[in-house]
mmCIF file of all heavy atoms, coordinates in Angstrom:
data_MODEL
# 
_entry.id   MODEL 
# 
loop_
_atom_site.group_PDB 
_atom_site.id 
_atom_site.type_symbol 
_atom_site.label_atom_id 
_atom_site.label_alt_id 
_atom_site.label_comp_id 
_atom_site.label_asym_id 
_atom_site.label_entity_id 
_atom_site.label_seq_id 
_atom_site.pdbx_PDB_ins_code 
_atom_site.Cartn_x 
_atom_site.Cartn_y 
_atom_site.Cartn_z 
_atom_site.occupancy 
_atom_site.B_iso_or_equiv 
_atom_site.pdbx_formal_charge 
_atom_site.auth_seq_id 
_atom_site.auth_comp_id 
_atom_site.auth_asym_id 
_atom_site.auth_atom_id 
_atom_site.pdbx_PDB_model_num 
ATOM 1   N N   . LEU A 1 1  ? -20.401 -0.759  17.784 1.00 0.00 ? 1  LEU A N   1 
ATOM 2   C CA  . LEU A 1 1  ? -21.495 -0.870  18.749 1.00 0.00 ? 1  LEU A CA  1 
ATOM 3   C C   . LEU A 1 1  ? -22.662 -1.653  18.146 1.00 0.00 ? 1  LEU A C   1 
ATOM 4   O O   . LEU A 1 1  ? -23.274 -2.498  18.797 1.00 0.00 ? 1  LEU A O   1 
ATOM 5   C CB  . LEU A 1 1  ? -21.959 0.529   19.173 1.00 0.00 ? 1  LEU A CB  1 
ATOM 6   C CG  . LEU A 1 1  ? -21.033 1.302   20.112 1.00 0.00 ? 1  LEU A CG  1 
ATOM 7   C CD1 . LEU A 1 1  ? -21.521 2.727   20.297 1.00 0.00 ? 1  LEU A CD1 1 
ATOM 8   C CD2 . LEU A 1 1  ? -20.931 0.591   21.462 1.00 0.00 ? 1  LEU A CD2 1 
ATOM 9   N N   . ARG A 1 2  ? -22.951 -1.376  16.899 1.00 0.00 ? 2  ARG A N   1 
ATOM 10  C CA  . ARG A 1 2  ? -24.041 -2.092  16.226 1.00 0.00 ? 2  ARG A CA  1 
ATOM 11  C C   . ARG A 1 2  ? -23.703 -3.570  16.036 1.00 0.00 ? 2  ARG A C   1 
ATOM 12  O O   . ARG A 1 2  ? -24.557 -4.434  16.214 1.00 0.00 ? 2  ARG A O   1 
ATOM 13  C CB  . ARG A 1 2  ? -24.332 -1.449  14.864 1.00 0.00 ? 2  ARG A CB  1 
ATOM 14  C CG  . ARG A 1 2  ? -24.921 -0.050  14.953 1.00 0.00 ? 2  ARG A CG  1 
ATOM 15  C CD  . ARG A 1 2  ? -25.315 0.443   13.578 1.00 0.00 ? 2  ARG A CD  1 
ATOM 16  N NE  . ARG A 1 2  ? -25.796 1.813   13.617 1.00 0.00 ? 2  ARG A NE  1 
ATOM 17  C CZ  . ARG A 1 2  ? -26.253 2.467   12.550 1.00 0.00 ? 2  ARG A CZ  1 
ATOM 18  N NH1 . ARG A 1 2  ? -26.277 1.861   11.359 1.00 0.00 ? 2  ARG A NH1 1 
ATOM 19  N NH2 . ARG A 1 2  ? -26.677 3.702   12.657 1.00 0.00 ? 2  ARG A NH2 1 
ATOM 20  N N   . MET A 1 3  ? -22.463 -3.846  15.665 1.00 0.00 ? 3  MET A N   1 
ATOM 21  C CA  . MET A 1 3  ? -22.063 -5.241  15.455 1.00 0.00 ? 3  MET A CA  1 
ATOM 22  C C   . MET A 1 3  ? -22.076 -6.026  16.761 1.00 0.00 ? 3  MET A C   1 
ATOM 23  O O   . MET A 1 3  ? -22.402 -7.204  16.781 1.00 0.00 ? 3  MET A O   1 
ATOM 24  C CB  . MET A 1 3  ? -20.677 -5.292  14.809 1.00 0.00 ? 3  MET A CB  1 
ATOM 25  C CG  . MET A 1 3  ? -20.692 -4.947  13.333 1.00 0.00 ? 3  MET A CG  1 
ATOM 26  S SD  . MET A 1 3  ? -19.080 -5.119  12.534 1.00 0.00 ? 3  MET A SD  1 
ATOM 27  C CE  . MET A 1 3  ? -18.339 -3.554  12.968 1.00 0.00 ? 3  MET A CE  1 
ATOM 28  N N   . ARG A 1 4  ? -21.728 -5.352  17.844 1.00 0.00 ? 4  ARG A N   1 
ATOM 29  C CA  . ARG A 1 4  ? -21.747 -6.012  19.151 1.00 0.00 ? 4  ARG A CA  1 
ATOM 30  C C   . ARG A 1 4  ? -23.170 -6.412  19.529 1.00 0.00 ? 4  ARG A C   1 
ATOM 31  O O   . ARG A 1 4  ? -23.407 -7.487  20.057 1.00 0.00 ? 4  ARG A O   1 
ATOM 32  C CB  . ARG A 1 4  ? -21.156 -5.063  20.203 1.00 0.00 ? 4  ARG A CB  1 
ATOM 33  C CG  . ARG A 1 4  ? -20.800 -5.746  21.518 1.00 0.00 ? 4  ARG A CG  1 
ATOM 34  C CD  . ARG A 1 4  ? -20.064 -4.763  22.413 1.00 0.00 ? 4  ARG A CD  1 
ATOM 35  N NE  . ARG A 1 4  ? -18.821 -4.310  21.802 1.00 0.00 ? 4  ARG A NE  1 
ATOM 36  C CZ  . ARG A 1 4  ? -18.319 -3.092  21.941 1.00 0.00 ? 4  ARG A CZ  1 
ATOM 37  N NH1 . ARG A 1 4  ? -18.958 -2.195  22.655 1.00 0.00 ? 4  ARG A NH1 1 
ATOM 38  N NH2 . ARG A 1 4  ? -17.174 -2.780  21.374 1.00 0.00 ? 4  ARG A NH2 1 
ATOM 39  N N   . LYS A 1 5  ? -24.110 -5.535  19.239 1.00 0.00 ? 5  LYS A N   1 
ATOM 40  C CA  . LYS A 1 5  ? -25.503 -5.811  19.569 1.00 0.00 ? 5  LYS A CA  1 
ATOM 41  C C   . LYS A 1 5  ? -26.088 -6.894  18.668 1.00 0.00 ? 5  LYS A C   1 
ATOM 42  O O   . LYS A 1 5  ? -26.911 -7.697  19.094 1.00 0.00 ? 5  LYS A O   1 
ATOM 43  C CB  . LYS A 1 5  ? -26.336 -4.532  19.450 1.00 0.00 ? 5  LYS A CB  1 
ATOM 44  C CG  . LYS A 1 5  ? -26.004 -3.486  20.502 1.00 0.00 ? 5  LYS A CG  1 
ATOM 45  C CD  . LYS A 1 5  ? -26.829 -2.227  20.298 1.00 0.00 ? 5  LYS A CD  1 
ATOM 46  C CE  . LYS A 1 5  ? -26.489 -1.169  21.341 1.00 0.00 ? 5  LYS A CE  1 
ATOM 47  N NZ  . LYS A 1 5  ? -27.257 0.086   21.130 1.00 0.00 ? 5  LYS A NZ  1 
ATOM 48  N N   . SER A 1 6  ? -25.657 -6.906  17.411 1.00 0.00 ? 6  SER A N   1 
ATOM 49  C CA  . SER A 1 6  ? -26.215 -7.875  16.450 1.00 0.00 ? 6  SER A CA  1 
ATOM 50  C C   . SER A 1 6  ? -25.398 -9.155  16.363 1.00 0.00 ? 6  SER A C   1 
ATOM 51  O O   . SER A 1 6  ? -25.755 -10.073 15.622 1.00 0.00 ? 6  SER A O   1 
ATOM 52  C CB  . SER A 1 6  ? -26.294 -7.236  15.062 1.00 0.00 ? 6  SER A CB  1 
ATOM 53  O OG  . SER A 1 6  ? -25.005 -6.890  14.601 1.00 0.00 ? 6  SER A OG  1 
ATOM 54  N N   . ARG A 1 7  ? -24.278 -9.198  17.118 1.00 0.00 ? 7  ARG A N   1 
ATOM 55  C CA  . ARG A 1 7  ? -23.401 -10.380 17.168 1.00 0.00 ? 7  ARG A CA  1 
ATOM 56  C C   . ARG A 1 7  ? -22.700 -10.671 15.835 1.00 0.00 ? 7  ARG A C   1 
ATOM 57  O O   . ARG A 1 7  ? -22.283 -11.804 15.582 1.00 0.00 ? 7  ARG A O   1 
ATOM 58  C CB  . ARG A 1 7  ? -24.180 -11.614 17.627 1.00 0.00 ? 7  ARG A CB  1 
ATOM 59  C CG  . ARG A 1 7  ? -24.767 -11.458 19.030 1.00 0.00 ? 7  ARG A CG  1 
ATOM 60  C CD  . ARG A 1 7  ? -25.600 -12.663 19.413 1.00 0.00 ? 7  ARG A CD  1 
ATOM 61  N NE  . ARG A 1 7  ? -26.233 -12.471 20.710 1.00 0.00 ? 7  ARG A NE  1 
ATOM 62  C CZ  . ARG A 1 7  ? -25.694 -12.834 21.868 1.00 0.00 ? 7  ARG A CZ  1 
ATOM 63  N NH1 . ARG A 1 7  ? -24.523 -13.409 21.875 1.00 0.00 ? 7  ARG A NH1 1 
ATOM 64  N NH2 . ARG A 1 7  ? -26.333 -12.616 22.995 1.00 0.00 ? 7  ARG A NH2 1 
ATOM 65  N N   . HIS A 1 8  ? -22.551 -9.677  14.974 1.00 0.00 ? 8  HIS A N   1 
ATOM 66  C CA  . HIS A 1 8  ? -21.815 -9.852  13.721 1.00 0.00 ? 8  HIS A CA  1 
ATOM 67  C C   . HIS A 1 8  ? -20.356 -9.457  13.941 1.00 0.00 ? 8  HIS A C   1 
ATOM 68  O O   . HIS A 1 8  ? -19.822 -8.551  13.304 1.00 0.00 ? 8  HIS A O   1 
ATOM 69  C CB  . HIS A 1 8  ? -22.434 -8.987  12.608 1.00 0.00 ? 8  HIS A CB  1 
ATOM 70  C CG  . HIS A 1 8  ? -23.697 -9.541  12.057 1.00 0.00 ? 8  HIS A CG  1 
ATOM 71  N ND1 . HIS A 1 8  ? -23.746 -10.644 11.222 1.00 0.00 ? 8  HIS A ND1 1 
ATOM 72  C CD2 . HIS A 1 8  ? -24.986 -9.153  12.231 1.00 0.00 ? 8  HIS A CD2 1 
ATOM 73  C CE1 . HIS A 1 8  ? -25.004 -10.902 10.890 1.00 0.00 ? 8  HIS A CE1 1 
ATOM 74  N NE2 . HIS A 1 8  ? -25.778 -10.018 11.500 1.00 0.00 ? 8  HIS A NE2 1 
ATOM 75  N N   . HIS A 1 9  ? -19.698 -10.170 14.846 1.00 0.00 ? 9  HIS A N   1 
ATOM 76  C CA  . HIS A 1 9  ? -18.327 -9.805  15.220 1.00 0.00 ? 9  HIS A CA  1 
ATOM 77  C C   . HIS A 1 9  ? -17.328 -10.004 14.077 1.00 0.00 ? 9  HIS A C   1 
ATOM 78  O O   . HIS A 1 9  ? -16.312 -9.321  14.008 1.00 0.00 ? 9  HIS A O   1 
ATOM 79  C CB  . HIS A 1 9  ? -17.880 -10.619 16.433 1.00 0.00 ? 9  HIS A CB  1 
ATOM 80  C CG  . HIS A 1 9  ? -18.792 -10.474 17.617 1.00 0.00 ? 9  HIS A CG  1 
ATOM 81  N ND1 . HIS A 1 9  ? -18.966 -9.279  18.259 1.00 0.00 ? 9  HIS A ND1 1 
ATOM 82  C CD2 . HIS A 1 9  ? -19.591 -11.366 18.260 1.00 0.00 ? 9  HIS A CD2 1 
ATOM 83  C CE1 . HIS A 1 9  ? -19.821 -9.430  19.262 1.00 0.00 ? 9  HIS A CE1 1 
ATOM 84  N NE2 . HIS A 1 9  ? -20.217 -10.690 19.275 1.00 0.00 ? 9  HIS A NE2 1 
ATOM 85  N N   . ALA A 1 10 ? -17.618 -10.946 13.192 1.00 0.00 ? 10 ALA A N   1 
ATOM 86  C CA  . ALA A 1 10 ? -16.682 -11.258 12.113 1.00 0.00 ? 10 ALA A CA  1 
ATOM 87  C C   . ALA A 1 10 ? -16.472 -10.064 11.183 1.00 0.00 ? 10 ALA A C   1 
ATOM 88  O O   . ALA A 1 10 ? -15.403 -9.917  10.572 1.00 0.00 ? 10 ALA A O   1 
ATOM 89  C CB  . ALA A 1 10 ? -17.180 -12.458 11.315 1.00 0.00 ? 10 ALA A CB  1 
ATOM 90  N N   . LEU A 1 11 ? -17.480 -9.204  11.083 1.00 0.00 ? 11 LEU A N   1 
ATOM 91  C CA  . LEU A 1 11 ? -17.377 -8.057  10.183 1.00 0.00 ? 11 LEU A CA  1 
ATOM 92  C C   . LEU A 1 11 ? -16.515 -6.931  10.764 1.00 0.00 ? 11 LEU A C   1 
ATOM 93  O O   . LEU A 1 11 ? -16.179 -5.985  10.063 1.00 0.00 ? 11 LEU A O   1 
ATOM 94  C CB  . LEU A 1 11 ? -18.777 -7.514  9.861  1.00 0.00 ? 11 LEU A CB  1 
ATOM 95  C CG  . LEU A 1 11 ? -19.617 -8.379  8.919  1.00 0.00 ? 11 LEU A CG  1 
ATOM 96  C CD1 . LEU A 1 11 ? -21.035 -7.842  8.836  1.00 0.00 ? 11 LEU A CD1 1 
ATOM 97  C CD2 . LEU A 1 11 ? -18.993 -8.439  7.538  1.00 0.00 ? 11 LEU A CD2 1 
ATOM 98  N N   . ALA A 1 12 ? -16.167 -7.043  12.043 1.00 0.00 ? 12 ALA A N   1 
ATOM 99  C CA  . ALA A 1 12 ? -15.355 -5.994  12.675 1.00 0.00 ? 12 ALA A CA  1 
ATOM 100 C C   . ALA A 1 12 ? -14.011 -5.846  11.966 1.00 0.00 ? 12 ALA A C   1 
ATOM 101 O O   . ALA A 1 12 ? -13.488 -4.733  11.827 1.00 0.00 ? 12 ALA A O   1 
ATOM 102 C CB  . ALA A 1 12 ? -15.141 -6.323  14.145 1.00 0.00 ? 12 ALA A CB  1 
ATOM 103 N N   . SER A 1 13 ? -13.453 -6.957  11.495 1.00 0.00 ? 13 SER A N   1 
ATOM 104 C CA  . SER A 1 13 ? -12.158 -6.898  10.814 1.00 0.00 ? 13 SER A CA  1 
ATOM 105 C C   . SER A 1 13 ? -12.255 -6.124  9.499  1.00 0.00 ? 13 SER A C   1 
ATOM 106 O O   . SER A 1 13 ? -11.302 -5.454  9.095  1.00 0.00 ? 13 SER A O   1 
ATOM 107 C CB  . SER A 1 13 ? -11.635 -8.310  10.537 1.00 0.00 ? 13 SER A CB  1 
ATOM 108 O OG  . SER A 1 13 ? -12.518 -9.017  9.694  1.00 0.00 ? 13 SER A OG  1 
ATOM 109 N N   . THR A 1 14 ? -13.411 -6.210  8.841  1.00 0.00 ? 14 THR A N   1 
ATOM 110 C CA  . THR A 1 14 ? -13.608 -5.475  7.593  1.00 0.00 ? 14 THR A CA  1 
ATOM 111 C C   . THR A 1 14 ? -13.519 -3.970  7.839  1.00 0.00 ? 14 THR A C   1 
ATOM 112 O O   . THR A 1 14 ? -12.858 -3.236  7.103  1.00 0.00 ? 14 THR A O   1 
ATOM 113 C CB  . THR A 1 14 ? -14.984 -5.810  6.979  1.00 0.00 ? 14 THR A CB  1 
ATOM 114 O OG1 . THR A 1 14 ? -15.044 -7.204  6.687  1.00 0.00 ? 14 THR A OG1 1 
ATOM 115 C CG2 . THR A 1 14 ? -15.219 -5.018  5.702  1.00 0.00 ? 14 THR A CG2 1 
ATOM 116 N N   . VAL A 1 15 ? -14.184 -3.532  8.894  1.00 0.00 ? 15 VAL A N   1 
ATOM 117 C CA  . VAL A 1 15 ? -14.168 -2.109  9.255  1.00 0.00 ? 15 VAL A CA  1 
ATOM 118 C C   . VAL A 1 15 ? -12.766 -1.687  9.687  1.00 0.00 ? 15 VAL A C   1 
ATOM 119 O O   . VAL A 1 15 ? -12.254 -0.639  9.283  1.00 0.00 ? 15 VAL A O   1 
ATOM 120 C CB  . VAL A 1 15 ? -15.182 -1.838  10.383 1.00 0.00 ? 15 VAL A CB  1 
ATOM 121 C CG1 . VAL A 1 15 ? -15.139 -0.379  10.805 1.00 0.00 ? 15 VAL A CG1 1 
ATOM 122 C CG2 . VAL A 1 15 ? -16.587 -2.219  9.939  1.00 0.00 ? 15 VAL A CG2 1 
ATOM 123 N N   . GLN A 1 16 ? -12.141 -2.517  10.501 1.00 0.00 ? 16 GLN A N   1 
ATOM 124 C CA  . GLN A 1 16 ? -10.811 -2.200  11.026 1.00 0.00 ? 16 GLN A CA  1 
ATOM 125 C C   . GLN A 1 16 ? -9.771  -2.115  9.920  1.00 0.00 ? 16 GLN A C   1 
ATOM 126 O O   . GLN A 1 16 ? -8.903  -1.235  9.936  1.00 0.00 ? 16 GLN A O   1 
ATOM 127 C CB  . GLN A 1 16 ? -10.406 -3.246  12.054 1.00 0.00 ? 16 GLN A CB  1 
ATOM 128 C CG  . GLN A 1 16 ? -9.185  -2.879  12.881 1.00 0.00 ? 16 GLN A CG  1 
ATOM 129 C CD  . GLN A 1 16 ? -8.974  -3.830  14.041 1.00 0.00 ? 16 GLN A CD  1 
ATOM 130 O OE1 . GLN A 1 16 ? -9.906  -4.460  14.510 1.00 0.00 ? 16 GLN A OE1 1 
ATOM 131 N NE2 . GLN A 1 16 ? -7.748  -3.939  14.492 1.00 0.00 ? 16 GLN A NE2 1 
ATOM 132 N N   . GLN A 1 17 ? -9.849  -3.008  8.959  1.00 0.00 ? 17 GLN A N   1 
ATOM 133 C CA  . GLN A 1 17 ? -8.885  -3.016  7.861  1.00 0.00 ? 17 GLN A CA  1 
ATOM 134 C C   . GLN A 1 17 ? -8.977  -1.739  7.034  1.00 0.00 ? 17 GLN A C   1 
ATOM 135 O O   . GLN A 1 17 ? -7.956  -1.200  6.575  1.00 0.00 ? 17 GLN A O   1 
ATOM 136 C CB  . GLN A 1 17 ? -9.104  -4.240  6.977  1.00 0.00 ? 17 GLN A CB  1 
ATOM 137 C CG  . GLN A 1 17 ? -8.600  -5.531  7.598  1.00 0.00 ? 17 GLN A CG  1 
ATOM 138 C CD  . GLN A 1 17 ? -9.070  -6.762  6.841  1.00 0.00 ? 17 GLN A CD  1 
ATOM 139 O OE1 . GLN A 1 17 ? -9.606  -6.655  5.731  1.00 0.00 ? 17 GLN A OE1 1 
ATOM 140 N NE2 . GLN A 1 17 ? -8.887  -7.932  7.437  1.00 0.00 ? 17 GLN A NE2 1 
ATOM 141 N N   . HIS A 1 18 ? -10.200 -1.243  6.856  1.00 0.00 ? 18 HIS A N   1 
ATOM 142 C CA  . HIS A 1 18 ? -10.361 -0.002  6.098  1.00 0.00 ? 18 HIS A CA  1 
ATOM 143 C C   . HIS A 1 18 ? -9.691  1.157   6.833  1.00 0.00 ? 18 HIS A C   1 
ATOM 144 O O   . HIS A 1 18 ? -8.968  1.961   6.219  1.00 0.00 ? 18 HIS A O   1 
ATOM 145 C CB  . HIS A 1 18 ? -11.840 0.310   5.872  1.00 0.00 ? 18 HIS A CB  1 
ATOM 146 C CG  . HIS A 1 18 ? -12.066 1.617   5.173  1.00 0.00 ? 18 HIS A CG  1 
ATOM 147 N ND1 . HIS A 1 18 ? -11.871 1.777   3.820  1.00 0.00 ? 18 HIS A ND1 1 
ATOM 148 C CD2 . HIS A 1 18 ? -12.428 2.837   5.653  1.00 0.00 ? 18 HIS A CD2 1 
ATOM 149 C CE1 . HIS A 1 18 ? -12.107 3.035   3.491  1.00 0.00 ? 18 HIS A CE1 1 
ATOM 150 N NE2 . HIS A 1 18 ? -12.457 3.692   4.574  1.00 0.00 ? 18 HIS A NE2 1 
ATOM 151 N N   . VAL A 1 19 ? -9.912  1.245   8.143  1.00 0.00 ? 19 VAL A N   1 
ATOM 152 C CA  . VAL A 1 19 ? -9.305  2.321   8.924  1.00 0.00 ? 19 VAL A CA  1 
ATOM 153 C C   . VAL A 1 19 ? -7.782  2.212   8.873  1.00 0.00 ? 19 VAL A C   1 
ATOM 154 O O   . VAL A 1 19 ? -7.075  3.216   8.720  1.00 0.00 ? 19 VAL A O   1 
ATOM 155 C CB  . VAL A 1 19 ? -9.790  2.290   10.383 1.00 0.00 ? 19 VAL A CB  1 
ATOM 156 C CG1 . VAL A 1 19 ? -9.092  3.363   11.205 1.00 0.00 ? 19 VAL A CG1 1 
ATOM 157 C CG2 . VAL A 1 19 ? -11.299 2.493   10.447 1.00 0.00 ? 19 VAL A CG2 1 
ATOM 158 N N   . ARG A 1 20 ? -7.271  0.998   8.973  1.00 0.00 ? 20 ARG A N   1 
ATOM 159 C CA  . ARG A 1 20 ? -5.820  0.797   8.918  1.00 0.00 ? 20 ARG A CA  1 
ATOM 160 C C   . ARG A 1 20 ? -5.257  1.250   7.579  1.00 0.00 ? 20 ARG A C   1 
ATOM 161 O O   . ARG A 1 20 ? -4.172  1.848   7.513  1.00 0.00 ? 20 ARG A O   1 
ATOM 162 C CB  . ARG A 1 20 ? -5.480  -0.681  9.143  1.00 0.00 ? 20 ARG A CB  1 
ATOM 163 C CG  . ARG A 1 20 ? -5.627  -1.147  10.575 1.00 0.00 ? 20 ARG A CG  1 
ATOM 164 C CD  . ARG A 1 20 ? -5.242  -2.613  10.658 1.00 0.00 ? 20 ARG A CD  1 
ATOM 165 N NE  . ARG A 1 20 ? -5.316  -3.126  12.015 1.00 0.00 ? 20 ARG A NE  1 
ATOM 166 C CZ  . ARG A 1 20 ? -5.026  -4.379  12.347 1.00 0.00 ? 20 ARG A CZ  1 
ATOM 167 N NH1 . ARG A 1 20 ? -4.629  -5.243  11.417 1.00 0.00 ? 20 ARG A NH1 1 
ATOM 168 N NH2 . ARG A 1 20 ? -5.110  -4.780  13.606 1.00 0.00 ? 20 ARG A NH2 1 
ATOM 169 N N   . ARG A 1 21 ? -5.988  0.964   6.507  1.00 0.00 ? 21 ARG A N   1 
ATOM 170 C CA  . ARG A 1 21 ? -5.515  1.381   5.177  1.00 0.00 ? 21 ARG A CA  1 
ATOM 171 C C   . ARG A 1 21 ? -5.465  2.900   5.068  1.00 0.00 ? 21 ARG A C   1 
ATOM 172 O O   . ARG A 1 21 ? -4.511  3.465   4.520  1.00 0.00 ? 21 ARG A O   1 
ATOM 173 C CB  . ARG A 1 21 ? -6.406  0.785   4.090  1.00 0.00 ? 21 ARG A CB  1 
ATOM 174 C CG  . ARG A 1 21 ? -6.219  -0.710  3.860  1.00 0.00 ? 21 ARG A CG  1 
ATOM 175 C CD  . ARG A 1 21 ? -6.875  -1.173  2.572  1.00 0.00 ? 21 ARG A CD  1 
ATOM 176 N NE  . ARG A 1 21 ? -8.327  -1.077  2.632  1.00 0.00 ? 21 ARG A NE  1 
ATOM 177 C CZ  . ARG A 1 21 ? -9.126  -2.075  3.011  1.00 0.00 ? 21 ARG A CZ  1 
ATOM 178 N NH1 . ARG A 1 21 ? -8.609  -3.242  3.369  1.00 0.00 ? 21 ARG A NH1 1 
ATOM 179 N NH2 . ARG A 1 21 ? -10.434 -1.922  3.005  1.00 0.00 ? 21 ARG A NH2 1 
ATOM 180 N N   . VAL A 1 22 ? -6.489  3.553   5.589  1.00 0.00 ? 22 VAL A N   1 
ATOM 181 C CA  . VAL A 1 22 ? -6.523  5.016   5.540  1.00 0.00 ? 22 VAL A CA  1 
ATOM 182 C C   . VAL A 1 22 ? -5.353  5.599   6.348  1.00 0.00 ? 22 VAL A C   1 
ATOM 183 O O   . VAL A 1 22 ? -4.634  6.485   5.876  1.00 0.00 ? 22 VAL A O   1 
ATOM 184 C CB  . VAL A 1 22 ? -7.861  5.562   6.088  1.00 0.00 ? 22 VAL A CB  1 
ATOM 185 C CG1 . VAL A 1 22 ? -7.796  7.086   6.241  1.00 0.00 ? 22 VAL A CG1 1 
ATOM 186 C CG2 . VAL A 1 22 ? -9.014  5.173   5.170  1.00 0.00 ? 22 VAL A CG2 1 
ATOM 187 N N   . LEU A 1 23 ? -5.154  5.096   7.562  1.00 0.00 ? 23 LEU A N   1 
ATOM 188 C CA  . LEU A 1 23 ? -4.078  5.604   8.412  1.00 0.00 ? 23 LEU A CA  1 
ATOM 189 C C   . LEU A 1 23 ? -2.702  5.266   7.843  1.00 0.00 ? 23 LEU A C   1 
ATOM 190 O O   . LEU A 1 23 ? -1.764  6.064   7.952  1.00 0.00 ? 23 LEU A O   1 
ATOM 191 C CB  . LEU A 1 23 ? -4.224  5.039   9.826  1.00 0.00 ? 23 LEU A CB  1 
ATOM 192 C CG  . LEU A 1 23 ? -5.462  5.515   10.600 1.00 0.00 ? 23 LEU A CG  1 
ATOM 193 C CD1 . LEU A 1 23 ? -5.549  4.802   11.951 1.00 0.00 ? 23 LEU A CD1 1 
ATOM 194 C CD2 . LEU A 1 23 ? -5.431  7.018   10.805 1.00 0.00 ? 23 LEU A CD2 1 
ATOM 195 N N   . GLY A 1 24 ? -2.591  4.084   7.242  1.00 0.00 ? 24 GLY A N   1 
ATOM 196 C CA  . GLY A 1 24 ? -1.327  3.696   6.622  1.00 0.00 ? 24 GLY A CA  1 
ATOM 197 C C   . GLY A 1 24 ? -0.952  4.632   5.484  1.00 0.00 ? 24 GLY A C   1 
ATOM 198 O O   . GLY A 1 24 ? 0.208   5.063   5.358  1.00 0.00 ? 24 GLY A O   1 
ATOM 199 N N   . ARG A 1 25 ? -1.923  4.965   4.645  1.00 0.00 ? 25 ARG A N   1 
ATOM 200 C CA  . ARG A 1 25 ? -1.676  5.918   3.557  1.00 0.00 ? 25 ARG A CA  1 
ATOM 201 C C   . ARG A 1 25 ? -1.329  7.293   4.118  1.00 0.00 ? 25 ARG A C   1 
ATOM 202 O O   . ARG A 1 25 ? -0.467  8.001   3.586  1.00 0.00 ? 25 ARG A O   1 
ATOM 203 C CB  . ARG A 1 25 ? -2.912  6.023   2.668  1.00 0.00 ? 25 ARG A CB  1 
ATOM 204 C CG  . ARG A 1 25 ? -3.147  4.790   1.800  1.00 0.00 ? 25 ARG A CG  1 
ATOM 205 C CD  . ARG A 1 25 ? -4.555  4.815   1.230  1.00 0.00 ? 25 ARG A CD  1 
ATOM 206 N NE  . ARG A 1 25 ? -4.838  6.051   0.516  1.00 0.00 ? 25 ARG A NE  1 
ATOM 207 C CZ  . ARG A 1 25 ? -6.078  6.533   0.348  1.00 0.00 ? 25 ARG A CZ  1 
ATOM 208 N NH1 . ARG A 1 25 ? -7.118  5.906   0.861  1.00 0.00 ? 25 ARG A NH1 1 
ATOM 209 N NH2 . ARG A 1 25 ? -6.269  7.647   -0.335 1.00 0.00 ? 25 ARG A NH2 1 
ATOM 210 N N   . ALA A 1 26 ? -2.013  7.656   5.197  1.00 0.00 ? 26 ALA A N   1 
ATOM 211 C CA  . ALA A 1 26 ? -1.797  8.978   5.792  1.00 0.00 ? 26 ALA A CA  1 
ATOM 212 C C   . ALA A 1 26 ? -0.353  9.168   6.225  1.00 0.00 ? 26 ALA A C   1 
ATOM 213 O O   . ALA A 1 26 ? 0.275   10.200  5.922  1.00 0.00 ? 26 ALA A O   1 
ATOM 214 C CB  . ALA A 1 26 ? -2.734  9.167   6.990  1.00 0.00 ? 26 ALA A CB  1 
ATOM 215 N N   . VAL A 1 27 ? 0.210   8.182   6.925  1.00 0.00 ? 27 VAL A N   1 
ATOM 216 C CA  . VAL A 1 27 ? 1.589   8.346   7.412  1.00 0.00 ? 27 VAL A CA  1 
ATOM 217 C C   . VAL A 1 27 ? 2.610   8.159   6.297  1.00 0.00 ? 27 VAL A C   1 
ATOM 218 O O   . VAL A 1 27 ? 3.683   8.775   6.331  1.00 0.00 ? 27 VAL A O   1 
ATOM 219 C CB  . VAL A 1 27 ? 1.883   7.382   8.592  1.00 0.00 ? 27 VAL A CB  1 
ATOM 220 C CG1 . VAL A 1 27 ? 1.036   7.749   9.797  1.00 0.00 ? 27 VAL A CG1 1 
ATOM 221 C CG2 . VAL A 1 27 ? 1.660   5.923   8.208  1.00 0.00 ? 27 VAL A CG2 1 
ATOM 222 N N   . ARG A 1 28 ? 2.292   7.330   5.310  1.00 0.00 ? 28 ARG A N   1 
ATOM 223 C CA  . ARG A 1 28 ? 3.221   7.163   4.187  1.00 0.00 ? 28 ARG A CA  1 
ATOM 224 C C   . ARG A 1 28 ? 3.357   8.452   3.389  1.00 0.00 ? 28 ARG A C   1 
ATOM 225 O O   . ARG A 1 28 ? 4.447   8.794   2.919  1.00 0.00 ? 28 ARG A O   1 
ATOM 226 C CB  . ARG A 1 28 ? 2.759   6.032   3.270  1.00 0.00 ? 28 ARG A CB  1 
ATOM 227 C CG  . ARG A 1 28 ? 3.039   4.640   3.787  1.00 0.00 ? 28 ARG A CG  1 
ATOM 228 C CD  . ARG A 1 28 ? 2.920   3.598   2.676  1.00 0.00 ? 28 ARG A CD  1 
ATOM 229 N NE  . ARG A 1 28 ? 1.609   3.610   2.047  1.00 0.00 ? 28 ARG A NE  1 
ATOM 230 C CZ  . ARG A 1 28 ? 0.549   2.916   2.491  1.00 0.00 ? 28 ARG A CZ  1 
ATOM 231 N NH1 . ARG A 1 28 ? 0.668   2.182   3.589  1.00 0.00 ? 28 ARG A NH1 1 
ATOM 232 N NH2 . ARG A 1 28 ? -0.600  2.952   1.842  1.00 0.00 ? 28 ARG A NH2 1 
ATOM 233 N N   . GLN A 1 29 ? 2.249   9.161   3.239  1.00 0.00 ? 29 GLN A N   1 
ATOM 234 C CA  . GLN A 1 29 ? 2.260   10.382  2.448  1.00 0.00 ? 29 GLN A CA  1 
ATOM 235 C C   . GLN A 1 29 ? 2.621   11.622  3.262  1.00 0.00 ? 29 GLN A C   1 
ATOM 236 O O   . GLN A 1 29 ? 2.853   12.700  2.699  1.00 0.00 ? 29 GLN A O   1 
ATOM 237 C CB  . GLN A 1 29 ? 0.892   10.578  1.789  1.00 0.00 ? 29 GLN A CB  1 
ATOM 238 C CG  . GLN A 1 29 ? 0.569   9.505   0.765  1.00 0.00 ? 29 GLN A CG  1 
ATOM 239 C CD  . GLN A 1 29 ? -0.793  9.706   0.115  1.00 0.00 ? 29 GLN A CD  1 
ATOM 240 O OE1 . GLN A 1 29 ? -1.277  10.826  -0.018 1.00 0.00 ? 29 GLN A OE1 1 
ATOM 241 N NE2 . GLN A 1 29 ? -1.429  8.618   -0.296 1.00 0.00 ? 29 GLN A NE2 1 
ATOM 242 N N   . ASN A 1 30 ? 2.647   11.472  4.594  1.00 0.00 ? 30 ASN A N   1 
ATOM 243 C CA  . ASN A 1 30 ? 2.964   12.607  5.467  1.00 0.00 ? 30 ASN A CA  1 
ATOM 244 C C   . ASN A 1 30 ? 3.898   12.158  6.585  1.00 0.00 ? 30 ASN A C   1 
ATOM 245 O O   . ASN A 1 30 ? 3.564   12.234  7.762  1.00 0.00 ? 30 ASN A O   1 
ATOM 246 C CB  . ASN A 1 30 ? 1.677   13.187  6.060  1.00 0.00 ? 30 ASN A CB  1 
ATOM 247 C CG  . ASN A 1 30 ? 0.710   13.696  5.017  1.00 0.00 ? 30 ASN A CG  1 
ATOM 248 O OD1 . ASN A 1 30 ? 0.793   14.836  4.574  1.00 0.00 ? 30 ASN A OD1 1 
ATOM 249 N ND2 . ASN A 1 30 ? -0.227  12.831  4.614  1.00 0.00 ? 30 ASN A ND2 1 
# 
């Protein structure tokens, strides 16, 4: 929401990649 307002859309991938890494580890270990 903050990035949308500030138009820093390029940083969205940085946030998304972190979440994907966490979820990827979660299913690999469980």
